[in-house]
Amino acid sequence: MRTSLALALLLWGTPGAAQRRHVETLEVGAAGVAAVGETYDGLWRAEPGGALRVGTEFYGGQAHVDFHAFANQPEEKGLPEFHAYRGEVGWGVRVGLPGRLRLVAGPAVGAVHYRFEPDERFPMALQNETELSLGLFARLDAPLLGPARVFAGAEVVRVYTAERIVYPFVEGGVALSTPAPRWLRRLLR
């Protein structure tokens, strides 16, 4: 029993320490994101896009809100192009590694909004669609300069549509740590 309690305290920290770090800082990051592999059975190609992420320490891990946008180009003539906008919230376990490297990994839930370009050939076609998404992510970051960190990550996102859509994404970018506003610390405690 003592070994289990000691291991739990080592992994999660003491309750007072975890509470002191809870929502004390925000990490605001920007990333380039690219889909790897096949997503739409050869009908469209997911183009590289960009993402904004805000994260904070939350209940022994790191919570984040992420917004990602990317274009999709048709691979076959006659198909319309469209844009995808993905928003998610996630929570991951943060593991400290040698050299002040940090690894965060966990699940995320969100939605993907598809916006198709108007096409006079398909006047009755749906131009907006929003679907539920679930994913798993892993992100590795390292100190860059002062409060800035550089990061790289991967995520697999399943979009719940009638046709199976799975996006494997890779990303890389820079995040900046800043103290969380007092109103946000009060709200999330």
Protein backbone atom coordinates (compact mmCIF):
# COMPACT_ATOMS: atom_id res chain seq x y z
CA MET A 1 0.00 0.00 0.00
CA ARG A 2 2.80 2.45 0.91
CA THR A 3 4.58 1.71 -2.36
CA SER A 4 1.41 2.47 -4.36
CA LEU A 5 0.84 5.74 -2.48
CA ALA A 6 4.48 6.79 -2.90
CA LEU A 7 4.33 5.99 -6.63
CA ALA A 8 1.08 7.96 -7.04
CA LEU A 9 2.59 10.99 -5.25
CA LEU A 10 5.73 10.76 -7.37
CA LEU A 11 3.76 10.64 -10.62
CA TRP A 12 1.14 13.26 -9.75
CA GLY A 13 3.01 15.41 -7.22
CA THR A 14 1.69 16.38 -3.84
CA PRO A 15 -1.86 17.76 -3.74
CA GLY A 16 -0.67 21.21 -2.63
CA ALA A 17 1.95 21.41 -5.38
CA ALA A 18 -0.54 20.37 -8.04
CA GLN A 19 -3.01 23.00 -6.83
CA ARG A 20 -0.37 25.75 -6.86
CA ARG A 21 0.49 25.03 -10.52
CA HIS A 22 -3.16 24.65 -11.56
CA VAL A 23 -3.92 27.25 -14.29
CA GLU A 24 -1.03 29.50 -13.26
CA THR A 25 0.35 29.90 -16.79
CA LEU A 26 -0.97 29.74 -20.33
CA GLU A 27 1.03 28.34 -23.22
CA VAL A 28 0.01 30.04 -26.45
CA GLY A 29 1.36 28.41 -29.58
CA ALA A 30 1.20 28.54 -33.35
CA ALA A 31 2.02 25.60 -35.60
CA GLY A 32 2.22 24.45 -39.16
CA VAL A 33 0.18 21.27 -39.59
CA ALA A 34 0.23 18.72 -42.41
CA ALA A 35 -1.84 15.61 -43.05
CA VAL A 36 0.20 12.51 -43.86
CA GLY A 37 -1.14 9.57 -45.80
CA GLU A 38 -4.48 9.10 -47.54
CA THR A 39 -7.63 10.60 -46.05
CA TYR A 40 -10.35 10.79 -48.70
CA ASP A 41 -9.81 7.62 -50.81
CA GLY A 42 -7.98 9.62 -53.47
CA LEU A 43 -10.83 12.09 -54.08
CA TRP A 44 -9.31 15.11 -52.28
CA ARG A 45 -5.89 16.08 -50.94
CA ALA A 46 -5.65 17.72 -47.51
CA GLU A 47 -3.27 20.68 -47.85
CA PRO A 48 -0.91 21.92 -45.11
CA GLY A 49 -2.57 24.37 -42.75
CA GLY A 50 -2.06 26.24 -39.53
CA ALA A 51 -3.14 25.81 -35.93
CA LEU A 52 -3.40 27.96 -32.82
CA ARG A 53 -3.30 26.32 -29.41
CA VAL A 54 -3.77 27.57 -25.85
CA GLY A 55 -2.86 25.17 -23.05
CA THR A 56 -2.60 25.24 -19.28
CA GLU A 57 -1.78 22.88 -16.44
CA PHE A 58 -5.03 21.36 -15.30
CA TYR A 59 -5.78 18.52 -12.86
CA GLY A 60 -2.35 16.91 -12.97
CA GLY A 61 -1.90 17.19 -16.72
CA GLN A 62 -2.19 19.77 -19.48
CA ALA A 63 -5.50 20.86 -20.99
CA HIS A 64 -5.64 22.63 -24.34
CA VAL A 65 -7.98 24.30 -26.79
CA ASP A 66 -6.90 24.06 -30.41
CA PHE A 67 -8.11 25.62 -33.67
CA HIS A 68 -6.81 24.24 -36.99
CA ALA A 69 -7.67 25.31 -40.56
CA PHE A 70 -6.70 23.66 -43.85
CA ALA A 71 -7.79 23.56 -47.50
CA ASN A 72 -8.71 20.43 -49.42
CA GLN A 73 -8.08 20.24 -53.16
CA PRO A 74 -9.89 17.83 -55.50
CA GLU A 75 -7.81 15.05 -57.04
CA GLU A 76 -10.50 14.25 -59.63
CA LYS A 77 -11.98 16.68 -62.13
CA GLY A 78 -15.49 17.85 -61.32
CA LEU A 79 -15.19 17.79 -57.53
CA PRO A 80 -15.43 21.05 -55.57
CA GLU A 81 -12.65 22.25 -53.29
CA PHE A 82 -13.42 22.86 -49.65
CA HIS A 83 -11.96 24.17 -46.42
CA ALA A 84 -11.94 22.37 -43.08
CA TYR A 85 -11.93 24.11 -39.69
CA ARG A 86 -11.24 21.88 -36.71
CA GLY A 87 -11.67 22.88 -33.08
CA GLU A 88 -10.90 20.62 -30.14
CA VAL A 89 -10.35 20.42 -26.42
CA GLY A 90 -7.94 17.89 -25.03
CA TRP A 91 -6.14 16.79 -21.92
CA GLY A 92 -2.85 14.99 -21.70
CA VAL A 93 -0.41 13.63 -19.19
CA ARG A 94 2.79 15.69 -19.09
CA VAL A 95 6.06 13.81 -18.60
CA GLY A 96 9.33 15.62 -17.92
CA LEU A 97 12.32 14.23 -19.80
CA PRO A 98 16.08 14.90 -19.60
CA GLY A 99 17.31 18.20 -21.06
CA ARG A 100 14.12 20.03 -20.00
CA LEU A 101 12.22 18.22 -22.75
CA ARG A 102 8.52 17.63 -22.07
CA LEU A 103 6.15 15.08 -23.57
CA VAL A 104 2.37 15.51 -23.41
CA ALA A 105 0.01 12.83 -24.72
CA GLY A 106 -3.70 12.13 -24.39
CA PRO A 107 -7.19 12.25 -25.95
CA ALA A 108 -9.07 15.14 -27.56
CA VAL A 109 -12.68 15.73 -28.58
CA GLY A 110 -13.94 18.35 -31.00
CA ALA A 111 -15.71 19.10 -34.24
CA VAL A 112 -14.70 19.60 -37.86
CA HIS A 113 -16.61 22.14 -39.95
CA TYR A 114 -16.43 21.66 -43.73
CA ARG A 115 -17.17 24.61 -45.97
CA PHE A 116 -17.52 23.78 -49.67
CA GLU A 117 -16.99 26.38 -52.36
CA PRO A 118 -20.24 27.25 -54.20
CA ASP A 119 -20.47 25.37 -57.49
CA GLU A 120 -23.15 26.15 -60.08
CA ARG A 121 -23.04 22.51 -61.25
CA PHE A 122 -24.36 21.39 -57.82
CA PRO A 123 -26.80 24.14 -56.73
CA MET A 124 -28.58 21.87 -54.19
CA ALA A 125 -25.38 20.47 -52.67
CA LEU A 126 -24.65 20.96 -49.00
CA GLN A 127 -22.15 23.80 -48.55
CA ASN A 128 -21.62 23.55 -44.77
CA GLU A 129 -21.26 20.44 -42.65
CA THR A 130 -20.08 19.98 -39.06
CA GLU A 131 -19.13 16.62 -37.58
CA LEU A 132 -17.91 15.24 -34.25
CA SER A 133 -14.24 14.23 -33.99
CA LEU A 134 -12.20 12.21 -31.50
CA GLY A 135 -8.44 11.96 -31.49
CA LEU A 136 -5.22 11.01 -29.75
CA PHE A 137 -2.23 13.34 -29.68
CA ALA A 138 1.40 13.38 -28.58
CA ARG A 139 3.59 16.49 -28.44
CA LEU A 140 7.26 16.91 -27.54
CA ASP A 141 8.61 20.36 -26.66
CA ALA A 142 11.99 21.81 -25.78
CA PRO A 143 13.18 25.17 -24.41
CA LEU A 144 14.05 27.75 -27.05
CA LEU A 145 14.70 31.11 -25.40
CA GLY A 146 13.22 32.51 -22.18
CA PRO A 147 9.50 31.63 -22.01
CA ALA A 148 9.50 30.28 -25.60
CA ARG A 149 9.52 26.57 -26.43
CA VAL A 150 9.69 24.79 -29.78
CA PHE A 151 7.47 21.73 -30.29
CA ALA A 152 6.70 18.88 -32.66
CA GLY A 153 3.76 16.55 -32.47
CA ALA A 154 1.48 14.01 -34.08
CA GLU A 155 -2.26 13.43 -33.87
CA VAL A 156 -4.73 10.94 -35.28
CA VAL A 157 -8.27 12.33 -35.62
CA ARG A 158 -11.36 10.28 -36.48
CA VAL A 159 -14.25 12.30 -37.91
CA TYR A 160 -17.66 10.69 -37.45
CA THR A 161 -19.28 10.88 -40.88
CA ALA A 162 -21.14 8.26 -42.94
CA GLU A 163 -17.88 7.69 -44.84
CA ARG A 164 -14.84 6.93 -42.69
CA ILE A 165 -12.48 9.93 -42.38
CA VAL A 166 -9.25 9.59 -40.41
CA TYR A 167 -6.66 12.37 -40.43
CA PRO A 168 -3.11 11.55 -39.38
CA PHE A 169 -1.49 14.96 -38.73
CA VAL A 170 2.05 16.08 -37.90
CA GLU A 171 2.81 19.56 -36.58
CA GLY A 172 5.66 21.80 -35.56
CA GLY A 173 5.75 25.27 -34.05
CA VAL A 174 6.58 27.62 -31.21
CA ALA A 175 4.77 28.25 -27.92
CA LEU A 176 5.15 31.09 -25.44
CA SER A 177 4.35 30.80 -21.71
CA THR A 178 2.64 33.70 -20.02
CA PRO A 179 0.93 34.12 -16.63
CA ALA A 180 -2.77 33.26 -16.79
CA PRO A 181 -5.17 36.17 -16.23
CA ARG A 182 -6.58 36.30 -12.70
CA TRP A 183 -10.21 35.96 -13.92
CA LEU A 184 -9.33 32.71 -15.74
CA ARG A 185 -7.56 31.26 -12.68
CA ARG A 186 -10.64 31.98 -10.57
CA LEU A 187 -13.02 30.55 -13.18
CA LEU A 188 -11.16 27.23 -13.61
CA ARG A 189 -10.48 26.51 -9.93
